[in-house]
Amino acid sequence: MSMDKQGFLSPDIADWVTKHRAEGSATWFTFAGQLNSTAQCLLNAFSVTTQEGGLDSHLLAMLLFTRTLSNFQGAMFGGSFFYVQ
């Protein structure tokens, strides 16, 4: 089925994304992919222990970093579909 009938759930979306990532924006998508990989590695390397009696600043920093990374990944996901030159 086409994107006209199924929108972004269409199997045709993969071709559309590939085409638009290659047209003049490959450098930015490559950079964003590398940045995402680095951030994901940092997230997986975090080891935070909590202390009794309150919210630890290291835990808060990890939670904020996780939230920031998920927002970045969401922007990249959306950018793959809605990219306009």
Protein backbone atom coordinates (compact mmCIF):
# COMPACT_ATOMS: atom_id res chain seq x y z
CA MET A 1 0.00 0.00 0.00
CA SER A 2 1.09 3.54 -0.58
CA MET A 3 1.87 6.29 1.87
CA ASP A 4 -1.30 8.02 0.66
CA LYS A 5 -3.39 5.23 2.20
CA GLN A 6 -1.32 4.22 5.23
CA GLY A 7 0.69 7.34 6.00
CA PHE A 8 3.88 6.79 7.97
CA LEU A 9 2.92 3.18 8.76
CA SER A 10 3.29 2.25 5.09
CA PRO A 11 6.13 -0.11 4.15
CA ASP A 12 7.02 2.48 1.49
CA ILE A 13 8.29 4.83 4.20
CA ALA A 14 11.70 3.13 4.27
CA ASP A 15 12.38 4.18 0.67
CA TRP A 16 11.21 7.73 1.39
CA VAL A 17 13.46 8.02 4.45
CA THR A 18 16.48 6.62 2.59
CA LYS A 19 15.94 9.05 -0.29
CA HIS A 20 15.61 12.13 1.93
CA ARG A 21 18.55 11.22 4.15
CA ALA A 22 20.74 11.01 1.05
CA GLU A 23 19.64 14.26 -0.59
CA GLY A 24 21.87 17.02 0.72
CA SER A 25 21.49 16.12 4.38
CA ALA A 26 23.54 12.94 4.67
CA THR A 27 26.25 14.77 6.61
CA TRP A 28 23.80 15.97 9.26
CA PHE A 29 22.06 12.63 9.63
CA THR A 30 25.45 10.90 9.89
CA PHE A 31 26.56 13.36 12.57
CA ALA A 32 23.28 12.94 14.46
CA GLY A 33 23.62 9.14 14.26
CA GLN A 34 27.15 9.27 15.66
CA LEU A 35 26.07 11.65 18.41
CA ASN A 36 23.21 9.31 19.29
CA SER A 37 25.55 6.30 19.42
CA THR A 38 27.96 8.13 21.70
CA ALA A 39 25.17 9.29 24.00
CA GLN A 40 23.65 5.80 24.11
CA CYS A 41 27.05 4.35 25.08
CA LEU A 42 27.36 6.93 27.85
CA LEU A 43 23.88 6.10 29.10
CA ASN A 44 24.65 2.38 29.20
CA ALA A 45 27.90 3.05 31.06
CA PHE A 46 26.23 5.02 33.87
CA SER A 47 26.29 3.41 37.25
CA VAL A 48 24.36 5.39 39.81
CA THR A 49 23.63 4.30 43.34
CA THR A 50 21.04 6.04 45.43
CA GLN A 51 21.45 7.17 48.98
CA GLU A 52 18.78 7.05 51.62
CA GLY A 53 17.23 10.29 52.68
CA GLY A 54 16.72 12.10 49.43
CA LEU A 55 17.27 12.42 45.72
CA ASP A 56 20.91 12.05 44.78
CA SER A 57 22.20 14.66 42.31
CA HIS A 58 23.87 11.93 40.24
CA LEU A 59 20.56 10.12 39.87
CA LEU A 60 18.85 13.34 38.86
CA ALA A 61 21.57 14.02 36.27
CA MET A 62 21.16 10.51 34.84
CA LEU A 63 17.38 10.90 34.63
CA LEU A 64 17.71 14.26 32.87
CA PHE A 65 20.29 12.85 30.46
CA THR A 66 18.00 9.90 29.70
CA ARG A 67 15.09 12.25 29.04
CA THR A 68 17.24 14.47 26.81
CA LEU A 69 18.46 11.47 24.82
CA SER A 70 14.94 10.13 24.30
CA ASN A 71 13.83 13.58 23.09
CA PHE A 72 16.79 13.71 20.71
CA GLN A 73 15.95 10.25 19.36
CA GLY A 74 12.32 11.32 18.92
CA ALA A 75 13.42 14.40 17.01
CA MET A 76 15.62 12.28 14.78
CA PHE A 77 12.78 9.85 14.19
CA GLY A 78 10.44 12.70 13.30
CA GLY A 79 13.13 14.41 11.26
CA SER A 80 13.51 11.30 9.16
CA PHE A 81 9.89 11.62 8.10
CA PHE A 82 9.38 15.36 8.00
CA TYR A 83 12.71 16.58 6.69
CA VAL A 84 12.35 19.53 4.33
CA GLN A 85 15.32 21.11 2.59
